[in-house]
Amino acid sequence: MENFSRETKAGTLHGIYDPKFKQVVDAFVENFETRDEVGANVAITLEGKTVLDLWGGRKARDGDAWEKDTVSVVFSCTKGATSLCAHILADRGKLDLDAKVSDYWPEYAKNGKEDTLVSMMLDHSAGVPHVRTKLKDGAYYDYDYMVKLIEEEEPFWRPGTRNGYHGVTLAWTVGEIVHRASGKRTGRFFADEVAGPLGLDFWIGTPDEVAPRIAPMIYAEPDPAQLNSRFTQAVMTDPTSPAHLFLMNGGNADFNSREWLAAEVGSGNGVSNGRNLAGMYQPLANGGGNLVGSDTLARMGRVSMATHEDATLLIPTRFALGFMKSMDNRKLKNELNSSCIMSDAAFGHVGMGGSIGFADPEARMSFGYNMNRMGAGILLNDRGQALVDAAYRSLGYRSNESGAWVA
């Protein structure tokens, strides 16, 4: 391993790396020099060992330095953590993913949701990508309030017949299933069964003492290239659409507020960094470790639902049970940053603005990246994808022209 230090116009970068992954180092520097990175951390493990861990920049523009232990909201990367909790319970025989939701949560079985399976909540086909009721201010901070709304909601489609990204509601679909099956809410279960045993700095419901380490999110600036996307058009023109409700019916949530950070939103308010995202996926890249057995791990990485038109995002999407698979939408017109290209074996999750964590069991690699300046678009932007691409090239993978990295 080699030590790394570099001055950039955004601040000093630090870290360690195996020379084999020099291309990732170069891409990380390039992000700060030419892609307006402000602060970030990227980490990679290979065969269970850290082979790269880089961090630096600033917590805010002209702010304090981004330190080794700096963390940020990783948004939908949290879905990977929540889904992992469900799979751990399935592996232990406490949750049947093929059972009806009503077996664990009877109050959910109404208004057309009676035949919903647990697996449908994980692969975004349950039909409740959002709620139609106008949310009260601070709704996302009130777990019980959101669970009640989910119970009463009529599905947007017959459960299981199509998928549409449950961008926020997964916190109270999969989240409440974890609660019912384990007796613990997701944040507590994750802390006890994953973050604690693995020694991770990763919280779903962040304690006050962590606050000084959190880099506030710098919201993405509107990009004219995104205005003509089908998703943006639906947000702007169809107030009944899942796209509009997902973005516009959020109870005025402030993603930098103490209320948001302290709440338990298992779809989007996890606080961590690249090092600990890679750390969470490291056992899953190496046979499951003490988290899950081989059969469960195989199911976690298998495509469960794929479509040419996601009912929420209005792009082609591919999901395993709770995790994103490689998605290549580079040739779609008017769709900015709507891809996430990994290998076919990889599974993980992108977070709003461009963070990502994933496991690749075939390469025995885990990867994590977080940042504080959010990018526009639906999935990865050029900063995160450049790092992922460099990681695969470092392993000898030759091309992603097929829509996934191949050796």
Protein backbone atom coordinates (compact mmCIF):
# COMPACT_ATOMS: atom_id res chain seq x y z
CA MET A 1 0.00 0.00 0.00
CA GLU A 2 1.17 3.50 -0.80
CA ASN A 3 0.36 6.73 1.00
CA PHE A 4 -1.31 9.48 -1.00
CA SER A 5 -1.43 13.25 -0.58
CA ARG A 6 -2.26 15.84 -3.21
CA GLU A 7 -3.11 19.53 -3.23
CA THR A 8 -6.03 20.48 -5.47
CA LYS A 9 -7.96 23.66 -6.02
CA ALA A 10 -10.67 22.24 -3.75
CA GLY A 11 -8.29 21.34 -0.91
CA THR A 12 -5.95 18.59 0.15
CA LEU A 13 -6.59 14.94 -0.68
CA HIS A 14 -5.26 12.09 1.44
CA GLY A 15 -5.35 8.31 1.55
CA ILE A 16 -3.78 4.96 0.88
CA TYR A 17 -3.94 2.72 -2.16
CA ASP A 18 -2.61 -0.41 -3.77
CA PRO A 19 -0.67 0.67 -6.90
CA LYS A 20 -2.89 -1.66 -8.89
CA PHE A 21 -5.68 0.89 -8.34
CA LYS A 22 -3.73 3.97 -9.48
CA GLN A 23 -6.41 4.63 -12.10
CA VAL A 24 -8.95 5.21 -9.30
CA VAL A 25 -6.56 7.66 -7.64
CA ASP A 26 -6.26 9.55 -10.92
CA ALA A 27 -10.05 9.64 -11.38
CA PHE A 28 -10.51 10.89 -7.79
CA VAL A 29 -8.05 13.75 -8.40
CA GLU A 30 -9.71 14.52 -11.73
CA ASN A 31 -13.07 14.86 -10.01
CA PHE A 32 -11.68 17.68 -7.86
CA GLU A 33 -9.72 19.35 -10.64
CA THR A 34 -12.28 19.33 -13.45
CA ARG A 35 -15.65 18.02 -12.20
CA ASP A 36 -16.23 20.43 -9.30
CA GLU A 37 -15.99 17.89 -6.50
CA VAL A 38 -16.07 19.67 -3.13
CA GLY A 39 -15.56 16.90 -0.59
CA ALA A 40 -15.61 13.12 -0.97
CA ASN A 41 -14.43 9.69 0.13
CA VAL A 42 -13.98 6.60 -2.06
CA ALA A 43 -12.95 3.18 -0.79
CA ILE A 44 -12.51 -0.29 -2.28
CA THR A 45 -11.98 -3.69 -0.72
CA LEU A 46 -10.73 -6.72 -2.61
CA GLU A 47 -10.93 -10.24 -1.20
CA GLY A 48 -11.83 -8.74 2.16
CA LYS A 49 -8.93 -6.29 2.40
CA THR A 50 -8.91 -2.54 1.88
CA VAL A 51 -7.00 -1.73 -1.31
CA LEU A 52 -7.93 1.95 -1.59
CA ASP A 53 -9.24 4.62 0.76
CA LEU A 54 -9.09 8.25 -0.39
CA TRP A 55 -10.68 11.32 1.11
CA GLY A 56 -10.37 15.08 1.04
CA GLY A 57 -11.61 18.42 -0.15
CA ARG A 58 -13.88 20.46 2.08
CA LYS A 59 -17.07 19.97 4.09
CA ALA A 60 -18.48 23.05 2.37
CA ARG A 61 -17.24 25.42 -0.30
CA ASP A 62 -14.58 27.54 1.46
CA GLY A 63 -15.32 25.50 4.61
CA ASP A 64 -13.38 23.19 6.90
CA ALA A 65 -11.32 20.35 5.52
CA TRP A 66 -13.01 17.03 4.80
CA GLU A 67 -11.37 14.76 7.39
CA LYS A 68 -10.89 11.00 7.37
CA ASP A 69 -13.94 10.50 9.60
CA THR A 70 -16.21 12.98 7.78
CA VAL A 71 -19.61 11.53 6.87
CA SER A 72 -22.65 12.74 4.97
CA VAL A 73 -26.20 11.75 4.14
CA VAL A 74 -25.96 8.96 1.56
CA PHE A 75 -29.65 9.11 0.63
CA SER A 76 -30.82 5.95 -1.19
CA CYS A 77 -27.63 4.05 -0.44
CA THR A 78 -29.61 3.57 2.78
CA LYS A 79 -31.95 1.25 0.87
CA GLY A 80 -29.10 -1.24 0.61
CA ALA A 81 -28.75 -1.22 4.39
CA THR A 82 -32.49 -1.64 5.00
CA SER A 83 -32.75 -4.40 2.40
CA LEU A 84 -29.79 -6.19 3.95
CA CYS A 85 -31.70 -6.27 7.24
CA ALA A 86 -34.62 -8.02 5.51
CA HIS A 87 -32.31 -10.59 3.94
CA ILE A 88 -30.62 -11.29 7.27
CA LEU A 89 -34.03 -12.03 8.76
CA ALA A 90 -34.88 -14.25 5.78
CA ASP A 91 -31.59 -16.11 6.20
CA ARG A 92 -32.44 -16.76 9.85
CA GLY A 93 -35.89 -18.10 9.00
CA LYS A 94 -37.70 -15.15 10.59
CA LEU A 95 -38.96 -13.66 7.33
CA ASP A 96 -40.31 -15.45 4.25
CA LEU A 97 -39.78 -13.23 1.23
CA ASP A 98 -42.37 -15.23 -0.72
CA ALA A 99 -45.06 -14.86 1.94
CA LYS A 100 -47.85 -12.31 1.90
CA VAL A 101 -47.12 -9.06 3.69
CA SER A 102 -50.32 -9.66 5.67
CA ASP A 103 -48.70 -12.64 7.40
CA TYR A 104 -46.51 -10.15 9.26
CA TRP A 105 -48.46 -6.90 8.94
CA PRO A 106 -52.23 -7.56 8.84
CA GLU A 107 -53.14 -3.86 8.82
CA TYR A 108 -51.50 -3.48 5.41
CA ALA A 109 -53.90 -5.89 3.68
CA LYS A 110 -56.58 -3.50 2.46
CA ASN A 111 -57.62 -1.32 -0.47
CA GLY A 112 -56.16 -3.62 -3.12
CA LYS A 113 -52.95 -4.56 -1.33
CA GLU A 114 -54.21 -7.84 0.14
CA ASP A 115 -52.11 -10.12 -2.08
CA THR A 116 -48.85 -8.16 -1.89
CA LEU A 117 -45.81 -10.36 -1.26
CA VAL A 118 -42.84 -9.34 0.85
CA SER A 119 -40.59 -9.65 -2.21
CA MET A 120 -42.68 -7.04 -4.03
CA MET A 121 -41.78 -4.47 -1.39
CA LEU A 122 -38.11 -5.16 -2.01
CA ASP A 123 -38.17 -4.99 -5.83
CA HIS A 124 -40.38 -1.89 -6.09
CA SER A 125 -43.39 -3.71 -7.53
CA ALA A 126 -45.68 -3.35 -4.48
CA GLY A 127 -47.55 -0.44 -6.06
CA VAL A 128 -47.07 2.21 -3.35
CA PRO A 129 -44.25 4.35 -4.80
CA HIS A 130 -45.64 7.25 -2.80
CA VAL A 131 -48.82 8.37 -1.06
CA ARG A 132 -51.47 10.61 -2.56
CA THR A 133 -52.38 12.34 0.71
CA LYS A 134 -50.73 15.75 1.05
CA LEU A 135 -48.12 15.20 3.72
CA LYS A 136 -47.98 17.33 6.82
CA ASP A 137 -44.83 19.31 7.50
CA GLY A 138 -42.18 17.02 8.92
CA ALA A 139 -44.05 13.87 7.83
CA TYR A 140 -40.86 11.94 7.07
CA TYR A 141 -39.68 12.48 10.63
CA ASP A 142 -42.82 10.76 11.99
CA TYR A 143 -42.43 7.01 11.42
CA ASP A 144 -45.83 5.95 12.80
CA TYR A 145 -47.66 8.61 10.78
CA MET A 146 -46.09 7.37 7.54
CA VAL A 147 -46.79 3.72 8.36
CA LYS A 148 -50.49 4.53 8.84
CA LEU A 149 -50.64 6.35 5.51
CA ILE A 150 -48.99 3.41 3.76
CA GLU A 151 -51.54 1.05 5.32
CA GLU A 152 -54.44 3.10 3.94
CA GLU A 153 -52.98 3.80 0.48
CA GLU A 154 -54.49 2.27 -2.63
CA PRO A 155 -51.84 0.84 -4.94
CA PHE A 156 -51.02 2.72 -8.14
CA TRP A 157 -51.07 -0.64 -9.97
CA ARG A 158 -51.95 -4.22 -9.11
CA PRO A 159 -49.06 -5.36 -6.88
CA GLY A 160 -46.48 -7.42 -8.71
CA THR A 161 -47.56 -6.51 -12.24
CA ARG A 162 -44.95 -3.79 -12.82
CA ASN A 163 -42.39 -1.80 -10.89
CA GLY A 164 -41.95 1.83 -10.00
CA TYR A 165 -39.20 3.11 -7.76
CA HIS A 166 -40.42 3.41 -4.16
CA GLY A 167 -38.02 6.27 -3.62
CA VAL A 168 -39.06 7.21 -0.10
CA THR A 169 -41.83 4.78 0.83
CA LEU A 170 -39.46 1.80 1.04
CA ALA A 171 -38.62 3.20 4.48
CA TRP A 172 -42.11 2.22 5.67
CA THR A 173 -42.76 -0.84 3.48
CA VAL A 174 -39.58 -2.89 3.85
CA GLY A 175 -38.83 -0.96 7.03
CA GLU A 176 -42.04 -1.98 8.75
CA ILE A 177 -41.66 -5.58 7.57
CA VAL A 178 -38.25 -5.64 9.29
CA HIS A 179 -39.92 -4.20 12.37
CA ARG A 180 -42.73 -6.76 12.39
CA ALA A 181 -40.43 -9.74 11.75
CA SER A 182 -37.71 -8.78 14.23
CA GLY A 183 -39.47 -6.71 16.89
CA LYS A 184 -36.95 -3.92 16.24
CA ARG A 185 -37.24 -0.89 14.03
CA THR A 186 -34.77 -0.85 11.13
CA GLY A 187 -32.33 1.63 12.64
CA ARG A 188 -31.94 -0.44 15.79
CA PHE A 189 -31.77 -3.74 13.94
CA PHE A 190 -29.14 -2.42 11.54
CA ALA A 191 -27.07 -1.03 14.42
CA ASP A 192 -27.25 -4.30 16.38
CA GLU A 193 -26.80 -6.79 13.54
CA VAL A 194 -24.71 -5.00 10.91
CA ALA A 195 -23.07 -1.71 11.86
CA GLY A 196 -22.09 -2.83 15.35
CA PRO A 197 -20.59 -6.23 14.49
CA LEU A 198 -18.77 -4.82 11.44
CA GLY A 199 -17.58 -1.69 13.26
CA LEU A 200 -19.22 0.65 10.75
CA ASP A 201 -19.85 4.36 10.96
CA PHE A 202 -23.29 4.05 9.41
CA TRP A 203 -26.51 5.19 11.06
CA ILE A 204 -30.20 5.14 10.18
CA GLY A 205 -31.16 7.73 12.76
CA THR A 206 -27.95 9.58 13.59
CA PRO A 207 -27.06 10.43 17.21
CA ASP A 208 -26.32 14.02 18.21
CA GLU A 209 -22.66 13.35 18.92
CA VAL A 210 -22.00 12.56 15.25
CA ALA A 211 -23.28 15.96 14.08
CA PRO A 212 -19.88 17.76 14.04
CA ARG A 213 -18.56 15.17 11.57
CA ILE A 214 -21.40 15.57 9.05
CA ALA A 215 -20.74 17.49 5.84
CA PRO A 216 -23.93 19.32 4.84
CA MET A 217 -25.26 18.45 1.42
CA ILE A 218 -24.81 21.04 -1.33
CA TYR A 219 -27.93 20.72 -3.43
CA ALA A 220 -27.63 20.16 -7.17
CA GLU A 221 -28.11 23.15 -9.40
CA PRO A 222 -30.83 22.78 -12.05
CA ASP A 223 -29.41 21.48 -15.31
CA PRO A 224 -31.15 22.54 -18.54
CA ALA A 225 -30.29 19.13 -20.00
CA GLN A 226 -32.70 17.56 -17.51
CA LEU A 227 -35.72 19.72 -18.27
CA ASN A 228 -36.94 17.64 -21.21
CA SER A 229 -36.64 14.27 -19.52
CA ARG A 230 -39.86 12.32 -19.17
CA PHE A 231 -39.35 12.23 -15.40
CA THR A 232 -39.00 16.03 -15.11
CA GLN A 233 -41.93 16.60 -17.43
CA ALA A 234 -44.10 14.31 -15.31
CA VAL A 235 -43.00 16.13 -12.15
CA MET A 236 -43.93 19.48 -13.68
CA THR A 237 -47.15 18.57 -15.50
CA ASP A 238 -48.88 15.62 -13.79
CA PRO A 239 -49.60 16.16 -10.08
CA THR A 240 -51.13 12.68 -9.81
CA SER A 241 -48.04 10.86 -11.08
CA PRO A 242 -45.64 8.91 -8.86
CA ALA A 243 -42.84 11.12 -10.22
CA HIS A 244 -44.52 14.32 -9.04
CA LEU A 245 -45.54 12.93 -5.68
CA PHE A 246 -42.06 11.49 -5.06
CA LEU A 247 -40.37 14.86 -5.57
CA MET A 248 -43.05 17.36 -4.55
CA ASN A 249 -45.04 15.72 -1.73
CA GLY A 250 -42.32 15.50 0.91
CA GLY A 251 -43.68 17.40 3.89
CA ASN A 252 -41.06 20.13 3.39
CA ALA A 253 -38.26 17.84 4.53
CA ASP A 254 -34.93 19.61 5.02
CA PHE A 255 -32.15 17.11 4.27
CA ASN A 256 -29.61 19.07 6.30
CA SER A 257 -31.81 19.51 9.37
CA ARG A 258 -31.24 17.81 12.68
CA GLU A 259 -34.80 16.45 12.46
CA TRP A 260 -34.04 14.66 9.20
CA LEU A 261 -30.73 13.27 10.42
CA ALA A 262 -32.21 11.98 13.68
CA ALA A 263 -35.29 10.43 12.08
CA GLU A 264 -35.51 6.83 10.91
CA VAL A 265 -36.00 6.93 7.15
CA GLY A 266 -34.65 3.60 5.96
CA SER A 267 -34.96 4.61 2.33
CA GLY A 268 -32.93 7.77 2.40
CA ASN A 269 -31.46 9.34 5.54
CA GLY A 270 -28.56 7.04 6.33
CA VAL A 271 -25.35 8.82 7.32
CA SER A 272 -22.05 7.23 6.36
CA ASN A 273 -19.14 7.58 3.94
CA GLY A 274 -17.45 5.62 1.16
CA ARG A 275 -15.24 3.64 3.54
CA ASN A 276 -18.20 2.34 5.51
CA LEU A 277 -20.39 1.71 2.47
CA ALA A 278 -17.59 -0.48 1.15
CA GLY A 279 -17.33 -2.01 4.62
CA MET A 280 -21.00 -2.97 4.67
CA TYR A 281 -20.75 -4.67 1.28
CA GLN A 282 -17.39 -6.33 1.96
CA PRO A 283 -18.88 -9.52 3.50
CA LEU A 284 -21.38 -9.72 0.63
CA ALA A 285 -18.53 -9.64 -1.89
CA ASN A 286 -16.88 -12.57 -0.12
CA GLY A 287 -19.47 -15.26 0.44
CA GLY A 288 -21.77 -13.48 2.92
CA GLY A 289 -19.50 -13.53 5.97
CA ASN A 290 -21.49 -13.68 9.20
CA LEU A 291 -24.39 -11.78 7.66
CA VAL A 292 -26.04 -14.26 5.28
CA GLY A 293 -25.48 -17.73 3.84
CA SER A 294 -24.64 -18.56 0.25
CA ASP A 295 -28.22 -19.26 -0.87
CA THR A 296 -29.45 -15.94 0.51
CA LEU A 297 -26.49 -14.15 -1.04
CA ALA A 298 -27.26 -15.66 -4.45
CA ARG A 299 -30.84 -14.44 -4.24
CA MET A 300 -29.76 -10.97 -3.15
CA GLY A 301 -27.79 -10.46 -6.35
CA ARG A 302 -30.29 -11.90 -8.83
CA VAL A 303 -32.51 -9.65 -10.95
CA SER A 304 -36.05 -9.80 -9.59
CA MET A 305 -37.75 -7.04 -11.57
CA ALA A 306 -36.74 -5.27 -14.77
CA THR A 307 -38.74 -2.99 -17.01
CA HIS A 308 -38.52 -0.76 -20.05
CA GLU A 309 -40.40 1.95 -18.15
CA ASP A 310 -40.19 2.35 -14.41
CA ALA A 311 -43.53 3.82 -13.30
CA THR A 312 -41.81 6.46 -11.17
CA LEU A 313 -38.51 7.24 -12.88
CA LEU A 314 -39.86 6.66 -16.42
CA ILE A 315 -36.62 5.03 -17.60
CA PRO A 316 -35.64 1.36 -17.94
CA THR A 317 -34.59 -0.01 -14.54
CA ARG A 318 -33.29 -3.32 -13.17
CA PHE A 319 -33.61 -4.37 -9.53
CA ALA A 320 -32.69 -7.32 -7.40
CA LEU A 321 -34.58 -7.73 -4.11
CA GLY A 322 -33.79 -4.36 -2.55
CA PHE A 323 -30.73 -3.57 -4.65
CA MET A 324 -29.96 -1.93 -7.97
CA LYS A 325 -28.35 -3.89 -10.75
CA SER A 326 -26.33 -2.44 -13.62
CA MET A 327 -28.51 -0.01 -15.61
CA ASP A 328 -27.34 1.42 -18.93
CA ASN A 329 -29.46 4.27 -20.24
CA ARG A 330 -26.66 6.17 -21.93
CA LYS A 331 -28.38 6.18 -25.32
CA LEU A 332 -31.72 7.50 -24.10
CA LYS A 333 -32.51 10.97 -25.38
CA ASN A 334 -33.07 13.78 -22.87
CA GLU A 335 -32.11 11.60 -19.89
CA LEU A 336 -29.30 13.12 -17.84
CA ASN A 337 -27.27 10.84 -15.54
CA SER A 338 -29.74 7.95 -15.70
CA SER A 339 -27.25 5.06 -15.68
CA CYS A 340 -25.33 3.06 -13.10
CA ILE A 341 -22.92 0.71 -14.83
CA MET A 342 -21.35 -2.11 -12.82
CA SER A 343 -20.74 -5.76 -13.73
CA ASP A 344 -23.63 -8.19 -14.13
CA ALA A 345 -22.66 -9.86 -10.85
CA ALA A 346 -22.67 -6.62 -8.84
CA PHE A 347 -25.53 -5.35 -6.71
CA GLY A 348 -25.86 -2.29 -4.52
CA HIS A 349 -27.52 1.10 -4.51
CA VAL A 350 -27.05 4.64 -5.76
CA GLY A 351 -27.96 7.60 -3.55
CA MET A 352 -29.56 10.85 -4.75
CA GLY A 353 -26.85 13.18 -5.93
CA GLY A 354 -24.42 10.46 -6.87
CA SER A 355 -23.19 8.38 -3.93
CA ILE A 356 -22.97 4.60 -4.35
CA GLY A 357 -22.14 1.39 -2.54
CA PHE A 358 -22.07 -2.11 -4.00
CA ALA A 359 -20.71 -5.64 -3.79
CA ASP A 360 -19.33 -7.62 -6.70
CA PRO A 361 -19.14 -11.27 -5.56
CA GLU A 362 -17.57 -12.38 -8.83
CA ALA A 363 -14.68 -9.91 -8.52
CA ARG A 364 -14.74 -10.21 -4.70
CA MET A 365 -14.76 -6.41 -4.62
CA SER A 366 -16.78 -3.95 -2.60
CA PHE A 367 -16.98 -0.27 -3.42
CA GLY A 368 -18.21 2.87 -1.66
CA TYR A 369 -18.28 6.55 -2.58
CA ASN A 370 -19.92 9.56 -0.94
CA MET A 371 -19.69 13.27 -1.54
CA ASN A 372 -21.31 16.50 -0.41
CA ARG A 373 -21.95 18.27 -3.74
CA MET A 374 -24.94 16.57 -5.25
CA GLY A 375 -25.14 16.09 -9.00
CA ALA A 376 -28.23 16.46 -11.17
CA GLY A 377 -30.04 13.50 -12.70
CA ILE A 378 -31.58 10.28 -11.47
CA LEU A 379 -28.64 7.90 -10.97
CA LEU A 380 -24.84 8.24 -11.12
CA ASN A 381 -23.21 11.35 -12.49
CA ASP A 382 -19.78 11.53 -14.11
CA ARG A 383 -17.87 11.70 -10.81
CA GLY A 384 -19.13 8.45 -9.33
CA GLN A 385 -19.21 6.57 -12.62
CA ALA A 386 -15.62 7.60 -13.38
CA LEU A 387 -14.51 6.02 -10.10
CA VAL A 388 -16.48 2.83 -10.72
CA ASP A 389 -15.11 2.58 -14.25
CA ALA A 390 -11.55 3.04 -12.99
CA ALA A 391 -12.05 0.32 -10.38
CA TYR A 392 -13.15 -2.19 -13.01
CA ARG A 393 -10.35 -1.23 -15.37
CA SER A 394 -7.89 -1.73 -12.51
CA LEU A 395 -9.16 -5.30 -12.20
CA GLY A 396 -8.61 -5.94 -15.89
CA TYR A 397 -12.20 -5.61 -17.03
CA ARG A 398 -12.11 -4.49 -20.64
CA SER A 399 -15.41 -2.85 -21.61
CA ASN A 400 -18.85 -1.68 -20.49
CA GLU A 401 -20.25 -1.27 -24.00
CA SER A 402 -22.70 -4.12 -23.36
CA GLY A 403 -24.31 -2.20 -20.51
CA ALA A 404 -22.25 -3.90 -17.81
CA TRP A 405 -18.52 -4.25 -17.18
CA VAL A 406 -17.11 -7.45 -18.66
CA ALA A 407 -13.69 -9.01 -18.30
